[in-house]
């Protein structure tokens, strides 16, 4: 199932151990590494393995360009996400949307569906 996803979120130490035990060799991005790549405009890899939760991943994308950030995030979310949740892997697709409130714009996950 992992070959179908573009984003893997290792939001718990057990998830990281399980991921490494499976023998995958992708680089695991920390929040700081990903934030740096986004700030300097460096192109992101086709598949990202992220050391954190999905919501933490989404919050790293620049709010000053919410539409561009939304488009970039959706490139990963629509293809599929694997996230370690409560001792198991959860596989799903979803979309991010740009929402606004009195304090500005932000990205939010919508339409989460199990990946079949």
N, C-alpha and C. Protein backbone atom coordinates (compact mmCIF):
# COMPACT_ATOMS: atom_id res chain seq x y z
N UNK A 1 0.82 -1.19 0.00
CA UNK A 1 0.00 0.00 0.00
C UNK A 1 0.87 1.26 0.00
N UNK A 2 2.07 1.17 0.57
CA UNK A 2 2.94 2.34 0.67
C UNK A 2 3.36 2.88 -0.70
N UNK A 3 3.40 2.02 -1.70
CA UNK A 3 3.80 2.49 -3.03
C UNK A 3 2.77 3.42 -3.65
N UNK A 4 1.54 3.42 -3.14
CA UNK A 4 0.48 4.28 -3.67
C UNK A 4 0.51 5.70 -3.11
N UNK A 5 1.17 5.90 -1.98
CA UNK A 5 1.08 7.18 -1.29
C UNK A 5 2.24 8.11 -1.66
N UNK A 6 1.98 9.41 -1.56
CA UNK A 6 3.00 10.43 -1.81
C UNK A 6 3.50 11.04 -0.50
N UNK A 7 2.76 10.82 0.60
CA UNK A 7 3.13 11.39 1.89
C UNK A 7 2.99 10.33 2.97
N UNK A 8 4.04 10.16 3.75
CA UNK A 8 4.02 9.26 4.90
C UNK A 8 4.30 10.11 6.14
N UNK A 9 3.41 10.05 7.12
CA UNK A 9 3.58 10.83 8.36
C UNK A 9 3.88 9.88 9.52
N UNK A 10 5.06 10.03 10.07
CA UNK A 10 5.52 9.19 11.18
C UNK A 10 5.31 9.96 12.48
N UNK A 11 4.07 10.04 12.93
CA UNK A 11 3.75 10.93 14.04
C UNK A 11 3.99 10.34 15.41
N UNK A 12 4.65 9.21 15.49
CA UNK A 12 4.92 8.58 16.78
C UNK A 12 6.19 7.76 16.63
N UNK A 13 6.93 7.61 17.69
CA UNK A 13 8.18 6.85 17.65
C UNK A 13 7.95 5.41 17.14
N UNK A 14 6.81 4.81 17.52
CA UNK A 14 6.51 3.45 17.05
C UNK A 14 6.29 3.43 15.54
N UNK A 15 5.69 4.47 15.01
CA UNK A 15 5.52 4.57 13.56
C UNK A 15 6.85 4.65 12.86
N UNK A 16 7.77 5.41 13.41
CA UNK A 16 9.11 5.54 12.83
C UNK A 16 9.84 4.19 12.87
N UNK A 17 9.72 3.48 13.99
CA UNK A 17 10.37 2.16 14.11
C UNK A 17 9.79 1.19 13.09
N UNK A 18 8.46 1.20 12.96
CA UNK A 18 7.81 0.29 12.00
C UNK A 18 8.23 0.62 10.57
N UNK A 19 8.30 1.92 10.25
CA UNK A 19 8.71 2.35 8.91
C UNK A 19 10.13 1.87 8.60
N UNK A 20 11.04 2.08 9.54
CA UNK A 20 12.43 1.67 9.33
C UNK A 20 12.56 0.16 9.27
N UNK A 21 11.75 -0.56 10.05
CA UNK A 21 11.78 -2.03 10.04
C UNK A 21 11.33 -2.59 8.69
N UNK A 22 10.52 -1.85 7.97
CA UNK A 22 10.05 -2.30 6.66
C UNK A 22 11.15 -2.17 5.61
N UNK A 23 12.24 -1.49 5.95
CA UNK A 23 13.38 -1.41 5.04
C UNK A 23 13.31 -0.31 4.00
N UNK A 24 12.41 0.65 4.15
CA UNK A 24 12.34 1.76 3.20
C UNK A 24 13.54 2.66 3.39
N UNK A 25 14.01 3.27 2.30
CA UNK A 25 15.23 4.06 2.38
C UNK A 25 15.04 5.54 2.08
N UNK A 26 13.80 6.02 2.02
CA UNK A 26 13.57 7.44 1.78
C UNK A 26 14.09 8.27 2.95
N UNK A 27 14.51 9.48 2.64
CA UNK A 27 14.94 10.42 3.67
C UNK A 27 13.73 10.81 4.50
N UNK A 28 13.90 10.85 5.83
CA UNK A 28 12.83 11.28 6.71
C UNK A 28 13.04 12.77 6.99
N UNK A 29 12.10 13.59 6.53
CA UNK A 29 12.19 15.03 6.70
C UNK A 29 11.69 15.44 8.08
N UNK A 30 12.46 16.24 8.77
CA UNK A 30 11.98 16.86 10.01
C UNK A 30 11.19 18.11 9.64
N UNK A 31 10.47 18.67 10.60
CA UNK A 31 9.73 19.90 10.35
C UNK A 31 10.69 21.02 9.95
N UNK A 32 11.84 21.11 10.61
CA UNK A 32 12.82 22.16 10.29
C UNK A 32 13.37 22.02 8.87
N UNK A 33 13.65 20.80 8.46
CA UNK A 33 14.17 20.58 7.09
C UNK A 33 13.14 20.98 6.05
N UNK A 34 11.91 20.56 6.26
CA UNK A 34 10.85 20.88 5.31
C UNK A 34 10.57 22.38 5.28
N UNK A 35 10.54 23.01 6.45
CA UNK A 35 10.33 24.45 6.53
C UNK A 35 11.43 25.19 5.75
N UNK A 36 12.68 24.76 5.90
CA UNK A 36 13.79 25.38 5.18
C UNK A 36 13.62 25.24 3.68
N UNK A 37 13.25 24.05 3.22
CA UNK A 37 13.04 23.83 1.79
C UNK A 37 11.94 24.75 1.25
N UNK A 38 10.87 24.90 2.00
CA UNK A 38 9.77 25.76 1.57
C UNK A 38 10.16 27.23 1.56
N UNK A 39 10.94 27.66 2.55
CA UNK A 39 11.34 29.06 2.64
C UNK A 39 12.25 29.49 1.49
N UNK A 40 13.14 28.60 1.08
CA UNK A 40 14.06 28.96 0.00
C UNK A 40 13.51 28.59 -1.37
N UNK A 41 12.32 27.99 -1.40
CA UNK A 41 11.69 27.66 -2.68
C UNK A 41 12.29 26.44 -3.36
N UNK A 42 12.96 25.60 -2.59
CA UNK A 42 13.55 24.39 -3.16
C UNK A 42 12.44 23.40 -3.52
N UNK A 43 12.60 22.74 -4.64
CA UNK A 43 11.59 21.78 -5.09
C UNK A 43 11.54 20.60 -4.13
N UNK A 44 10.33 20.20 -3.79
CA UNK A 44 10.15 19.08 -2.88
C UNK A 44 10.21 17.76 -3.65
N UNK A 45 10.61 16.68 -2.96
CA UNK A 45 10.65 15.38 -3.64
C UNK A 45 9.25 14.90 -4.02
N UNK A 46 9.20 13.93 -4.90
CA UNK A 46 7.91 13.38 -5.35
C UNK A 46 7.16 12.72 -4.20
N UNK A 47 7.90 12.07 -3.30
CA UNK A 47 7.31 11.42 -2.13
C UNK A 47 8.02 11.98 -0.90
N UNK A 48 7.24 12.29 0.14
CA UNK A 48 7.81 12.83 1.37
C UNK A 48 7.49 11.90 2.53
N UNK A 49 8.52 11.59 3.30
CA UNK A 49 8.35 10.89 4.57
C UNK A 49 8.63 11.94 5.64
N UNK A 50 7.61 12.25 6.42
CA UNK A 50 7.66 13.37 7.36
C UNK A 50 7.63 12.89 8.80
N UNK A 51 8.52 13.39 9.60
CA UNK A 51 8.59 13.05 11.01
C UNK A 51 7.62 13.94 11.80
N UNK A 52 6.35 13.59 11.78
CA UNK A 52 5.32 14.36 12.46
C UNK A 52 3.94 13.99 11.98
N UNK A 53 2.95 14.71 12.48
CA UNK A 53 1.56 14.47 12.11
C UNK A 53 1.21 15.16 10.80
N UNK A 54 0.15 14.73 10.18
CA UNK A 54 -0.32 15.36 8.95
C UNK A 54 -0.62 16.84 9.19
N UNK A 55 -1.27 17.17 10.29
CA UNK A 55 -1.60 18.57 10.57
C UNK A 55 -0.34 19.42 10.74
N UNK A 56 0.70 18.83 11.33
CA UNK A 56 1.98 19.55 11.45
C UNK A 56 2.59 19.80 10.08
N UNK A 57 2.48 18.82 9.19
CA UNK A 57 2.99 18.95 7.83
C UNK A 57 2.30 20.11 7.11
N UNK A 58 0.99 20.15 7.19
CA UNK A 58 0.22 21.18 6.50
C UNK A 58 0.53 22.58 7.05
N UNK A 59 0.72 22.68 8.34
CA UNK A 59 0.98 23.98 8.96
C UNK A 59 2.33 24.58 8.55
N UNK A 60 3.21 23.80 7.96
CA UNK A 60 4.51 24.30 7.55
C UNK A 60 4.45 25.12 6.26
N UNK A 61 3.37 24.97 5.50
CA UNK A 61 3.29 25.65 4.21
C UNK A 61 2.95 27.12 4.41
N UNK A 62 3.60 28.00 3.65
CA UNK A 62 3.48 29.44 3.86
C UNK A 62 2.04 29.94 3.77
N UNK A 63 1.66 30.73 4.75
CA UNK A 63 0.32 31.31 4.78
C UNK A 63 0.22 32.56 3.92
N UNK A 64 1.35 33.15 3.59
CA UNK A 64 1.31 34.38 2.78
C UNK A 64 0.88 34.09 1.34
N UNK A 65 0.99 32.85 0.93
CA UNK A 65 0.53 32.45 -0.40
C UNK A 65 -0.39 31.23 -0.25
N UNK A 66 -1.56 31.40 0.37
CA UNK A 66 -2.39 30.23 0.68
C UNK A 66 -2.83 29.43 -0.53
N UNK A 67 -3.13 30.09 -1.64
CA UNK A 67 -3.58 29.34 -2.82
C UNK A 67 -2.45 28.48 -3.39
N UNK A 68 -1.25 29.03 -3.47
CA UNK A 68 -0.10 28.27 -3.97
C UNK A 68 0.22 27.12 -3.02
N UNK A 69 0.18 27.40 -1.72
CA UNK A 69 0.45 26.36 -0.73
C UNK A 69 -0.58 25.24 -0.82
N UNK A 70 -1.84 25.62 -1.01
CA UNK A 70 -2.92 24.64 -1.13
C UNK A 70 -2.68 23.72 -2.33
N UNK A 71 -2.30 24.30 -3.43
CA UNK A 71 -2.03 23.52 -4.64
C UNK A 71 -0.87 22.54 -4.41
N UNK A 72 0.17 23.01 -3.77
CA UNK A 72 1.34 22.16 -3.50
C UNK A 72 0.99 21.03 -2.53
N UNK A 73 0.27 21.35 -1.46
CA UNK A 73 -0.13 20.34 -0.48
C UNK A 73 -1.04 19.29 -1.12
N UNK A 74 -2.00 19.75 -1.93
CA UNK A 74 -2.95 18.81 -2.53
C UNK A 74 -2.27 17.82 -3.47
N UNK A 75 -1.14 18.20 -4.04
CA UNK A 75 -0.39 17.26 -4.87
C UNK A 75 0.00 16.01 -4.11
N UNK A 76 0.20 16.14 -2.82
CA UNK A 76 0.54 14.98 -1.97
C UNK A 76 -0.71 14.32 -1.41
N UNK A 77 -1.66 15.12 -0.93
CA UNK A 77 -2.83 14.57 -0.26
C UNK A 77 -3.75 13.80 -1.19
N UNK A 78 -3.90 14.27 -2.41
CA UNK A 78 -4.82 13.62 -3.36
C UNK A 78 -4.29 12.27 -3.84
N UNK A 79 -2.98 12.11 -3.83
CA UNK A 79 -2.40 10.84 -4.28
C UNK A 79 -2.44 9.78 -3.20
N UNK A 80 -2.46 10.20 -1.95
CA UNK A 80 -2.56 9.24 -0.85
C UNK A 80 -1.58 9.57 0.27
N UNK A 81 -2.06 9.30 1.49
CA UNK A 81 -1.29 9.57 2.70
C UNK A 81 -1.29 8.31 3.55
N UNK A 82 -0.15 8.00 4.15
CA UNK A 82 -0.06 6.95 5.16
C UNK A 82 0.33 7.64 6.46
N UNK A 83 -0.45 7.41 7.52
CA UNK A 83 -0.13 8.03 8.81
C UNK A 83 -0.26 6.99 9.90
N UNK A 84 0.76 6.96 10.79
CA UNK A 84 0.73 6.06 11.93
C UNK A 84 -0.24 6.63 12.96
N UNK A 85 -1.31 5.90 13.25
CA UNK A 85 -2.34 6.38 14.16
C UNK A 85 -2.76 5.26 15.10
N UNK A 86 -2.66 5.48 16.39
CA UNK A 86 -3.11 4.51 17.40
C UNK A 86 -2.56 3.10 17.16
N UNK A 87 -1.29 3.00 16.86
CA UNK A 87 -0.65 1.69 16.72
C UNK A 87 -0.81 1.02 15.38
N UNK A 88 -1.40 1.69 14.41
CA UNK A 88 -1.61 1.10 13.08
C UNK A 88 -1.39 2.15 12.01
N UNK A 89 -1.18 1.69 10.80
CA UNK A 89 -1.10 2.59 9.65
C UNK A 89 -2.50 2.86 9.13
N UNK A 90 -2.76 4.11 8.86
CA UNK A 90 -4.02 4.53 8.24
C UNK A 90 -3.67 5.06 6.85
N UNK A 91 -4.39 4.61 5.83
CA UNK A 91 -4.15 5.03 4.45
C UNK A 91 -5.37 5.77 3.94
N UNK A 92 -5.18 6.97 3.43
CA UNK A 92 -6.31 7.76 2.99
C UNK A 92 -5.89 8.79 1.94
N UNK A 93 -6.87 9.37 1.30
CA UNK A 93 -6.67 10.53 0.44
C UNK A 93 -7.51 11.66 1.02
N UNK A 94 -7.16 12.87 0.72
CA UNK A 94 -7.93 14.01 1.19
C UNK A 94 -7.51 15.25 0.39
N UNK A 95 -8.08 16.36 0.74
CA UNK A 95 -7.73 17.64 0.11
C UNK A 95 -7.55 18.67 1.20
N UNK A 96 -6.76 19.67 0.89
CA UNK A 96 -6.67 20.84 1.77
C UNK A 96 -7.42 21.97 1.09
N UNK A 97 -8.01 22.80 1.89
CA UNK A 97 -8.72 23.97 1.36
C UNK A 97 -8.21 25.21 2.09
N UNK A 98 -8.29 26.33 1.41
CA UNK A 98 -7.92 27.61 2.02
C UNK A 98 -9.17 28.15 2.72
N UNK A 99 -9.04 28.37 4.01
CA UNK A 99 -10.14 28.93 4.79
C UNK A 99 -9.69 30.25 5.40
N UNK A 100 -10.63 31.11 5.67
CA UNK A 100 -10.30 32.40 6.25
C UNK A 100 -11.07 32.67 7.52
N UNK A 101 -10.49 33.48 8.36
CA UNK A 101 -11.17 33.92 9.57
C UNK A 101 -10.64 35.32 9.91
N UNK A 102 -11.02 35.83 11.03
CA UNK A 102 -10.63 37.21 11.38
C UNK A 102 -9.13 37.40 11.50
N UNK A 103 -8.38 36.31 11.75
CA UNK A 103 -6.93 36.45 11.91
C UNK A 103 -6.16 36.13 10.63
N UNK A 104 -6.84 35.79 9.55
CA UNK A 104 -6.15 35.53 8.29
C UNK A 104 -6.59 34.23 7.65
N UNK A 105 -5.76 33.75 6.76
CA UNK A 105 -6.07 32.52 6.02
C UNK A 105 -5.26 31.35 6.57
N UNK A 106 -5.80 30.16 6.42
CA UNK A 106 -5.09 28.96 6.85
C UNK A 106 -5.55 27.78 5.99
N UNK A 107 -4.78 26.69 6.03
CA UNK A 107 -5.11 25.48 5.28
C UNK A 107 -5.79 24.49 6.22
N UNK A 108 -6.77 23.81 5.74
CA UNK A 108 -7.48 22.81 6.53
C UNK A 108 -7.76 21.58 5.69
N UNK A 109 -7.71 20.41 6.31
CA UNK A 109 -7.96 19.14 5.62
C UNK A 109 -9.47 18.92 5.48
N UNK A 110 -9.88 18.53 4.26
CA UNK A 110 -11.29 18.24 3.98
C UNK A 110 -11.39 16.92 3.24
N UNK A 111 -12.56 16.33 3.29
CA UNK A 111 -12.90 15.17 2.46
C UNK A 111 -11.94 14.00 2.60
N UNK A 112 -11.63 13.63 3.83
CA UNK A 112 -10.73 12.49 4.06
C UNK A 112 -11.46 11.20 3.72
N UNK A 113 -10.83 10.36 2.87
CA UNK A 113 -11.43 9.09 2.44
C UNK A 113 -10.40 8.00 2.51
N UNK A 114 -10.83 6.79 2.91
CA UNK A 114 -9.91 5.66 2.96
C UNK A 114 -9.35 5.37 1.58
N UNK A 115 -8.07 5.06 1.54
CA UNK A 115 -7.42 4.69 0.29
C UNK A 115 -7.67 3.21 0.06
N UNK A 116 -8.25 2.89 -1.06
CA UNK A 116 -8.60 1.49 -1.37
C UNK A 116 -7.56 0.89 -2.29
